[in-house]
Amino acid sequence: MSDITININGGNNQILPNATEAVQNFYGGHFPEHPLPDPSAQETEPPEAQKLALYINKENLGRYLSLIGECRSATELARVVVEMVEQEPRLFPEEMVKERFISLLLPFASKLEKGKTIDNIRARINDAWMNRPKKRP
């Protein structure tokens, strides 16, 4: 057998060159003060939000839902949709005007007072898309 020198500075290390098993025991003086949360009790997203997550990254979904919820007109909603198309890689300009996408937005647009029809929102999205500032390469 050869001589081996191992220097360890800090940390929690196990070196078991010929071991067939390793056992590590933890002993505690008390139970946790707060139990771990039950994963089934956590709030789940509404089904409409899950469908919208097909187009929008989950990290940005909450932000966009709050923006949609604050829209008071179809024009404001259209501006949010254009921003989503510019920022989200899975949402394409062809998809933003389709009824299946617009109908996913309507349940979250609770403050939308007028112009709630799919056709009106589609027209406002097209207007906002045509009037958006062009990016220069």
N, C-alpha and C. Protein backbone atom coordinates (compact mmCIF):
# COMPACT_ATOMS: atom_id res chain seq x y z
N MET A 1 0.84 -1.16 0.00
CA MET A 1 0.00 0.00 0.00
C MET A 1 0.89 1.24 0.00
N SER A 2 0.48 2.26 -0.76
CA SER A 2 1.28 3.47 -0.85
C SER A 2 0.78 4.49 0.15
N ASP A 3 1.66 5.41 0.52
CA ASP A 3 1.30 6.46 1.46
C ASP A 3 0.61 7.59 0.71
N ILE A 4 -0.48 8.06 1.28
CA ILE A 4 -1.24 9.15 0.68
C ILE A 4 -1.39 10.24 1.72
N THR A 5 -1.13 11.47 1.32
CA THR A 5 -1.33 12.62 2.19
C THR A 5 -2.46 13.46 1.61
N ILE A 6 -3.46 13.71 2.43
CA ILE A 6 -4.61 14.51 1.99
C ILE A 6 -4.76 15.66 2.96
N ASN A 7 -4.77 16.86 2.44
CA ASN A 7 -4.98 18.06 3.24
C ASN A 7 -6.36 18.62 2.93
N ILE A 8 -7.19 18.77 3.95
CA ILE A 8 -8.54 19.30 3.78
C ILE A 8 -8.68 20.52 4.67
N ASN A 9 -9.11 21.62 4.09
CA ASN A 9 -9.32 22.85 4.85
C ASN A 9 -10.80 23.19 4.86
N GLY A 10 -11.46 22.96 5.98
CA GLY A 10 -12.87 23.31 6.12
C GLY A 10 -13.78 22.39 5.32
N GLY A 11 -15.06 22.60 5.47
CA GLY A 11 -16.03 21.83 4.71
C GLY A 11 -16.38 20.52 5.38
N ASN A 12 -17.18 19.73 4.73
CA ASN A 12 -17.61 18.44 5.21
C ASN A 12 -17.22 17.42 4.16
N ASN A 13 -16.19 16.65 4.41
CA ASN A 13 -15.66 15.73 3.42
C ASN A 13 -15.56 14.33 4.00
N GLN A 14 -15.80 13.36 3.14
CA GLN A 14 -15.59 11.97 3.50
C GLN A 14 -14.65 11.36 2.48
N ILE A 15 -13.68 10.67 2.95
CA ILE A 15 -12.77 9.97 2.07
C ILE A 15 -12.82 8.51 2.47
N LEU A 16 -13.34 7.70 1.59
CA LEU A 16 -13.54 6.28 1.88
C LEU A 16 -12.90 5.45 0.78
N PRO A 17 -11.59 5.25 0.82
CA PRO A 17 -10.93 4.55 -0.28
C PRO A 17 -11.34 3.07 -0.40
N ASN A 18 -11.56 2.38 0.69
CA ASN A 18 -11.87 0.96 0.62
C ASN A 18 -13.20 0.63 1.29
N ALA A 19 -14.01 1.62 1.56
CA ALA A 19 -15.25 1.38 2.29
C ALA A 19 -16.31 0.78 1.38
N THR A 20 -17.13 -0.08 1.95
CA THR A 20 -18.25 -0.64 1.21
C THR A 20 -19.54 0.10 1.53
N GLU A 21 -19.56 0.83 2.63
CA GLU A 21 -20.72 1.65 2.95
C GLU A 21 -20.30 2.79 3.87
N ALA A 22 -21.08 3.87 3.84
CA ALA A 22 -20.84 5.02 4.70
C ALA A 22 -22.15 5.39 5.37
N VAL A 23 -22.10 5.63 6.66
CA VAL A 23 -23.28 5.99 7.43
C VAL A 23 -23.00 7.31 8.11
N GLN A 24 -23.93 8.24 7.96
CA GLN A 24 -23.79 9.53 8.62
C GLN A 24 -25.06 9.75 9.43
N ASN A 25 -24.92 9.94 10.71
CA ASN A 25 -26.05 10.12 11.60
C ASN A 25 -26.14 11.57 12.05
N PHE A 26 -27.35 12.09 12.05
CA PHE A 26 -27.60 13.43 12.54
C PHE A 26 -28.45 13.32 13.79
N TYR A 27 -28.04 13.97 14.83
CA TYR A 27 -28.80 13.95 16.07
C TYR A 27 -29.24 15.37 16.38
N GLY A 28 -30.51 15.53 16.67
CA GLY A 28 -31.02 16.86 16.97
C GLY A 28 -31.66 16.88 18.33
N GLY A 29 -31.60 18.02 18.97
CA GLY A 29 -32.17 18.15 20.30
C GLY A 29 -33.64 18.49 20.30
N HIS A 30 -34.18 18.93 19.13
CA HIS A 30 -35.60 19.29 19.10
C HIS A 30 -36.12 19.17 17.67
N PHE A 31 -37.42 19.18 17.55
CA PHE A 31 -38.05 19.12 16.24
C PHE A 31 -38.10 20.53 15.64
N PRO A 32 -38.30 20.63 14.35
CA PRO A 32 -38.40 21.97 13.74
C PRO A 32 -39.56 22.75 14.34
N GLU A 33 -39.35 24.05 14.50
CA GLU A 33 -40.38 24.90 15.08
C GLU A 33 -41.55 25.10 14.12
N HIS A 34 -41.26 25.16 12.83
CA HIS A 34 -42.31 25.35 11.82
C HIS A 34 -42.27 24.16 10.88
N PRO A 35 -43.38 23.47 10.71
CA PRO A 35 -43.38 22.34 9.78
C PRO A 35 -43.22 22.82 8.34
N LEU A 36 -42.70 21.95 7.50
CA LEU A 36 -42.54 22.29 6.09
C LEU A 36 -43.91 22.45 5.45
N PRO A 37 -44.02 23.36 4.49
CA PRO A 37 -45.33 23.55 3.85
C PRO A 37 -45.71 22.33 3.02
N ASP A 38 -46.99 22.05 3.00
CA ASP A 38 -47.52 20.94 2.23
C ASP A 38 -47.58 21.36 0.76
N PRO A 39 -46.88 20.65 -0.15
CA PRO A 39 -46.87 21.08 -1.55
C PRO A 39 -48.26 21.05 -2.19
N SER A 40 -49.15 20.18 -1.71
CA SER A 40 -50.48 20.14 -2.30
C SER A 40 -51.33 21.33 -1.86
N ALA A 41 -50.95 21.99 -0.77
CA ALA A 41 -51.72 23.12 -0.26
C ALA A 41 -51.33 24.44 -0.92
N GLN A 42 -50.25 24.44 -1.70
CA GLN A 42 -49.81 25.67 -2.34
C GLN A 42 -50.82 26.08 -3.40
N GLU A 43 -50.90 27.39 -3.61
CA GLU A 43 -51.83 27.90 -4.61
C GLU A 43 -51.38 27.47 -5.99
N THR A 44 -52.32 27.05 -6.78
CA THR A 44 -52.02 26.69 -8.16
C THR A 44 -52.56 27.80 -9.05
N GLU A 45 -51.94 27.93 -10.20
CA GLU A 45 -52.37 28.95 -11.14
C GLU A 45 -53.72 28.56 -11.73
N PRO A 46 -54.53 29.53 -12.09
CA PRO A 46 -55.78 29.19 -12.75
C PRO A 46 -55.49 28.55 -14.11
N PRO A 47 -56.42 27.76 -14.63
CA PRO A 47 -56.17 27.07 -15.91
C PRO A 47 -55.88 28.04 -17.05
N GLU A 48 -56.48 29.24 -17.02
CA GLU A 48 -56.22 30.21 -18.08
C GLU A 48 -54.76 30.65 -18.05
N ALA A 49 -54.20 30.81 -16.85
CA ALA A 49 -52.80 31.21 -16.73
C ALA A 49 -51.88 30.10 -17.21
N GLN A 50 -52.26 28.86 -16.96
CA GLN A 50 -51.45 27.74 -17.44
C GLN A 50 -51.46 27.69 -18.96
N LYS A 51 -52.60 27.99 -19.57
CA LYS A 51 -52.66 28.02 -21.03
C LYS A 51 -51.84 29.18 -21.58
N LEU A 52 -51.87 30.30 -20.89
CA LEU A 52 -51.09 31.46 -21.33
C LEU A 52 -49.60 31.20 -21.16
N ALA A 53 -49.23 30.32 -20.25
CA ALA A 53 -47.82 29.98 -20.03
C ALA A 53 -47.23 29.24 -21.23
N LEU A 54 -48.06 28.77 -22.15
CA LEU A 54 -47.54 28.17 -23.37
C LEU A 54 -46.85 29.21 -24.24
N TYR A 55 -47.27 30.45 -24.11
CA TYR A 55 -46.71 31.54 -24.91
C TYR A 55 -45.71 32.39 -24.15
N ILE A 56 -45.84 32.43 -22.82
CA ILE A 56 -45.06 33.36 -22.00
C ILE A 56 -44.23 32.57 -20.99
N ASN A 57 -42.98 32.96 -20.79
CA ASN A 57 -42.15 32.32 -19.78
C ASN A 57 -42.77 32.51 -18.41
N LYS A 58 -42.68 31.48 -17.58
CA LYS A 58 -43.33 31.52 -16.27
C LYS A 58 -42.76 32.61 -15.38
N GLU A 59 -41.49 32.99 -15.59
CA GLU A 59 -40.90 34.05 -14.79
C GLU A 59 -41.58 35.39 -15.06
N ASN A 60 -42.03 35.60 -16.30
CA ASN A 60 -42.64 36.87 -16.68
C ASN A 60 -44.16 36.84 -16.61
N LEU A 61 -44.73 35.68 -16.41
CA LEU A 61 -46.18 35.54 -16.47
C LEU A 61 -46.90 36.43 -15.46
N GLY A 62 -46.45 36.46 -14.23
CA GLY A 62 -47.10 37.28 -13.21
C GLY A 62 -47.07 38.76 -13.54
N ARG A 63 -45.95 39.22 -14.09
CA ARG A 63 -45.82 40.63 -14.46
C ARG A 63 -46.80 40.99 -15.57
N TYR A 64 -46.87 40.12 -16.58
CA TYR A 64 -47.79 40.40 -17.69
C TYR A 64 -49.25 40.31 -17.25
N LEU A 65 -49.56 39.37 -16.36
CA LEU A 65 -50.94 39.27 -15.88
C LEU A 65 -51.35 40.52 -15.12
N SER A 66 -50.42 41.09 -14.34
CA SER A 66 -50.75 42.32 -13.62
C SER A 66 -50.90 43.50 -14.59
N LEU A 67 -50.07 43.54 -15.64
CA LEU A 67 -50.22 44.60 -16.64
C LEU A 67 -51.55 44.48 -17.38
N ILE A 68 -51.91 43.25 -17.73
CA ILE A 68 -53.19 43.02 -18.42
C ILE A 68 -54.34 43.41 -17.50
N GLY A 69 -54.23 43.09 -16.24
CA GLY A 69 -55.28 43.42 -15.28
C GLY A 69 -55.48 44.91 -15.08
N GLU A 70 -54.47 45.71 -15.36
CA GLU A 70 -54.58 47.16 -15.19
C GLU A 70 -55.08 47.88 -16.43
N CYS A 71 -55.22 47.18 -17.55
CA CYS A 71 -55.64 47.81 -18.80
C CYS A 71 -57.10 48.24 -18.72
N ARG A 72 -57.35 49.51 -19.06
CA ARG A 72 -58.72 50.04 -19.03
C ARG A 72 -59.33 50.13 -20.43
N SER A 73 -58.50 49.99 -21.47
CA SER A 73 -59.02 50.06 -22.84
C SER A 73 -58.33 49.00 -23.69
N ALA A 74 -58.92 48.74 -24.84
CA ALA A 74 -58.34 47.76 -25.75
C ALA A 74 -56.99 48.24 -26.29
N THR A 75 -56.82 49.55 -26.39
CA THR A 75 -55.55 50.11 -26.86
C THR A 75 -54.44 49.82 -25.86
N GLU A 76 -54.71 49.97 -24.58
CA GLU A 76 -53.71 49.65 -23.56
C GLU A 76 -53.38 48.16 -23.57
N LEU A 77 -54.40 47.33 -23.72
CA LEU A 77 -54.18 45.89 -23.80
C LEU A 77 -53.33 45.54 -25.01
N ALA A 78 -53.57 46.22 -26.13
CA ALA A 78 -52.79 45.98 -27.34
C ALA A 78 -51.33 46.33 -27.14
N ARG A 79 -51.05 47.41 -26.42
CA ARG A 79 -49.65 47.78 -26.15
C ARG A 79 -48.94 46.72 -25.32
N VAL A 80 -49.66 46.15 -24.35
CA VAL A 80 -49.08 45.08 -23.54
C VAL A 80 -48.80 43.86 -24.41
N VAL A 81 -49.72 43.53 -25.31
CA VAL A 81 -49.52 42.38 -26.20
C VAL A 81 -48.31 42.59 -27.10
N VAL A 82 -48.16 43.79 -27.64
CA VAL A 82 -47.00 44.08 -28.49
C VAL A 82 -45.71 43.94 -27.69
N GLU A 83 -45.70 44.42 -26.47
CA GLU A 83 -44.52 44.25 -25.61
C GLU A 83 -44.23 42.77 -25.38
N MET A 84 -45.28 41.99 -25.17
CA MET A 84 -45.10 40.55 -24.96
C MET A 84 -44.49 39.90 -26.19
N VAL A 85 -44.96 40.27 -27.38
CA VAL A 85 -44.43 39.69 -28.62
C VAL A 85 -42.96 40.05 -28.79
N GLU A 86 -42.60 41.27 -28.43
CA GLU A 86 -41.21 41.70 -28.58
C GLU A 86 -40.29 41.03 -27.57
N GLN A 87 -40.80 40.65 -26.40
CA GLN A 87 -39.96 40.10 -25.33
C GLN A 87 -39.98 38.58 -25.25
N GLU A 88 -41.08 37.95 -25.63
CA GLU A 88 -41.24 36.52 -25.43
C GLU A 88 -40.91 35.75 -26.71
N PRO A 89 -39.98 34.79 -26.64
CA PRO A 89 -39.58 34.07 -27.85
C PRO A 89 -40.64 33.10 -28.37
N ARG A 90 -41.58 32.68 -27.55
CA ARG A 90 -42.59 31.71 -27.99
C ARG A 90 -43.87 32.34 -28.51
N LEU A 91 -43.96 33.65 -28.46
CA LEU A 91 -45.15 34.35 -28.95
C LEU A 91 -44.78 35.08 -30.23
N PHE A 92 -45.45 34.70 -31.31
CA PHE A 92 -45.14 35.24 -32.63
C PHE A 92 -46.19 36.26 -33.06
N PRO A 93 -45.81 37.17 -33.96
CA PRO A 93 -46.78 38.17 -34.43
C PRO A 93 -48.03 37.54 -35.07
N GLU A 94 -47.86 36.40 -35.71
CA GLU A 94 -49.01 35.74 -36.33
C GLU A 94 -49.99 35.23 -35.27
N GLU A 95 -49.48 34.86 -34.12
CA GLU A 95 -50.31 34.28 -33.07
C GLU A 95 -51.02 35.34 -32.24
N MET A 96 -50.45 36.53 -32.15
CA MET A 96 -51.01 37.55 -31.25
C MET A 96 -52.38 38.03 -31.67
N VAL A 97 -52.76 37.85 -32.93
CA VAL A 97 -54.06 38.34 -33.40
C VAL A 97 -55.09 37.22 -33.53
N LYS A 98 -54.72 36.02 -33.17
CA LYS A 98 -55.66 34.91 -33.29
C LYS A 98 -56.62 34.89 -32.10
N GLU A 99 -57.82 34.43 -32.37
CA GLU A 99 -58.86 34.40 -31.34
C GLU A 99 -58.46 33.54 -30.15
N ARG A 100 -57.77 32.43 -30.41
CA ARG A 100 -57.40 31.54 -29.30
C ARG A 100 -56.45 32.22 -28.32
N PHE A 101 -55.59 33.12 -28.79
CA PHE A 101 -54.70 33.85 -27.90
C PHE A 101 -55.43 34.99 -27.20
N ILE A 102 -56.19 35.77 -27.96
CA ILE A 102 -56.90 36.92 -27.38
C ILE A 102 -57.89 36.46 -26.32
N SER A 103 -58.55 35.32 -26.56
CA SER A 103 -59.53 34.83 -25.58
C SER A 103 -58.86 34.40 -24.28
N LEU A 104 -57.56 34.08 -24.31
CA LEU A 104 -56.84 33.76 -23.08
C LEU A 104 -56.57 35.02 -22.25
N LEU A 105 -56.50 36.17 -22.91
CA LEU A 105 -56.21 37.42 -22.21
C LEU A 105 -57.44 38.00 -21.50
N LEU A 106 -58.60 37.78 -22.08
CA LEU A 106 -59.82 38.44 -21.58
C LEU A 106 -60.16 38.15 -20.13
N PRO A 107 -59.99 36.93 -19.60
CA PRO A 107 -60.33 36.72 -18.19
C PRO A 107 -59.48 37.55 -17.23
N PHE A 108 -58.29 37.95 -17.66
CA PHE A 108 -57.39 38.71 -16.79
C PHE A 108 -57.56 40.22 -16.95
N ALA A 109 -58.24 40.64 -18.02
CA ALA A 109 -58.46 42.07 -18.27
C ALA A 109 -59.73 42.50 -17.55
N SER A 110 -59.70 42.48 -16.24
CA SER A 110 -60.89 42.75 -15.44
C SER A 110 -61.30 44.22 -15.45
N LYS A 111 -60.38 45.13 -15.70
CA LYS A 111 -60.71 46.56 -15.70
C LYS A 111 -61.04 47.08 -17.10
N LEU A 112 -61.05 46.20 -18.07
CA LEU A 112 -61.36 46.59 -19.44
C LEU A 112 -62.82 47.03 -19.50
N GLU A 113 -63.05 48.31 -19.79
CA GLU A 113 -64.39 48.88 -19.71
C GLU A 113 -65.14 48.83 -21.03
N LYS A 114 -64.44 49.05 -22.13
CA LYS A 114 -65.12 49.05 -23.42
C LYS A 114 -64.22 48.40 -24.46
N GLY A 115 -64.83 48.01 -25.55
CA GLY A 115 -64.07 47.36 -26.62
C GLY A 115 -63.61 45.96 -26.26
N LYS A 116 -64.47 45.19 -25.62
CA LYS A 116 -64.10 43.87 -25.14
C LYS A 116 -64.21 42.77 -26.19
N THR A 117 -64.65 43.11 -27.39
CA THR A 117 -64.83 42.06 -28.39
C THR A 117 -63.49 41.63 -28.97
N ILE A 118 -63.45 40.39 -29.43
CA ILE A 118 -62.22 39.84 -30.02
C ILE A 118 -61.81 40.67 -31.23
N ASP A 119 -62.79 41.03 -32.09
CA ASP A 119 -62.47 41.78 -33.30
C ASP A 119 -61.89 43.16 -32.98
N ASN A 120 -62.43 43.84 -31.98
CA ASN A 120 -61.92 45.15 -31.62
C ASN A 120 -60.50 45.03 -31.04
N ILE A 121 -60.28 44.06 -30.19
CA ILE A 121 -58.94 43.88 -29.60
C ILE A 121 -57.95 43.52 -30.70
N ARG A 122 -58.36 42.67 -31.64
CA ARG A 122 -57.48 42.31 -32.76
C ARG A 122 -57.11 43.56 -33.56
N ALA A 123 -58.08 44.43 -33.84
CA ALA A 123 -57.81 45.66 -34.59
C ALA A 123 -56.85 46.57 -33.82
N ARG A 124 -57.04 46.70 -32.50
CA ARG A 124 -56.15 47.54 -31.70
C ARG A 124 -54.73 46.94 -31.63
N ILE A 125 -54.63 45.60 -31.60
CA ILE A 125 -53.31 44.95 -31.61
C ILE A 125 -52.61 45.24 -32.93
N ASN A 126 -53.34 45.13 -34.04
CA ASN A 126 -52.75 45.44 -35.35
C ASN A 126 -52.30 46.89 -35.42
N ASP A 127 -53.12 47.82 -34.89
CA ASP A 127 -52.73 49.23 -34.87
C ASP A 127 -51.46 49.44 -34.04
N ALA A 128 -51.42 48.85 -32.87
CA ALA A 128 -50.24 49.00 -31.99
C ALA A 128 -49.01 48.38 -32.63
N TRP A 129 -49.19 47.27 -33.33
CA TRP A 129 -48.05 46.60 -33.97
C TRP A 129 -47.50 47.47 -35.10
N MET A 130 -48.38 48.11 -35.86
CA MET A 130 -47.94 48.95 -36.97
C MET A 130 -47.30 50.25 -36.47
N ASN A 131 -47.73 50.74 -35.31
CA ASN A 131 -47.23 52.02 -34.78
C ASN A 131 -46.08 51.87 -33.80
N ARG A 132 -45.61 50.66 -33.57
CA ARG A 132 -44.52 50.46 -32.62
C ARG A 132 -43.23 51.06 -33.18
N PRO A 133 -42.34 51.50 -32.31
CA PRO A 133 -41.06 52.03 -32.79
C PRO A 133 -40.24 50.92 -33.44
N LYS A 134 -39.69 51.23 -34.57
CA LYS A 134 -38.88 50.25 -35.29
C LYS A 134 -37.49 50.17 -34.66
N LYS A 135 -37.00 48.96 -34.53
CA LYS A 135 -35.65 48.76 -33.97
C LYS A 135 -34.64 48.87 -35.10
N ARG A 136 -33.58 49.56 -34.83
CA ARG A 136 -32.52 49.70 -35.83
C ARG A 136 -31.42 48.70 -35.53
N PRO A 137 -30.92 48.03 -36.57
CA PRO A 137 -29.86 47.02 -36.34
C PRO A 137 -28.54 47.60 -35.94
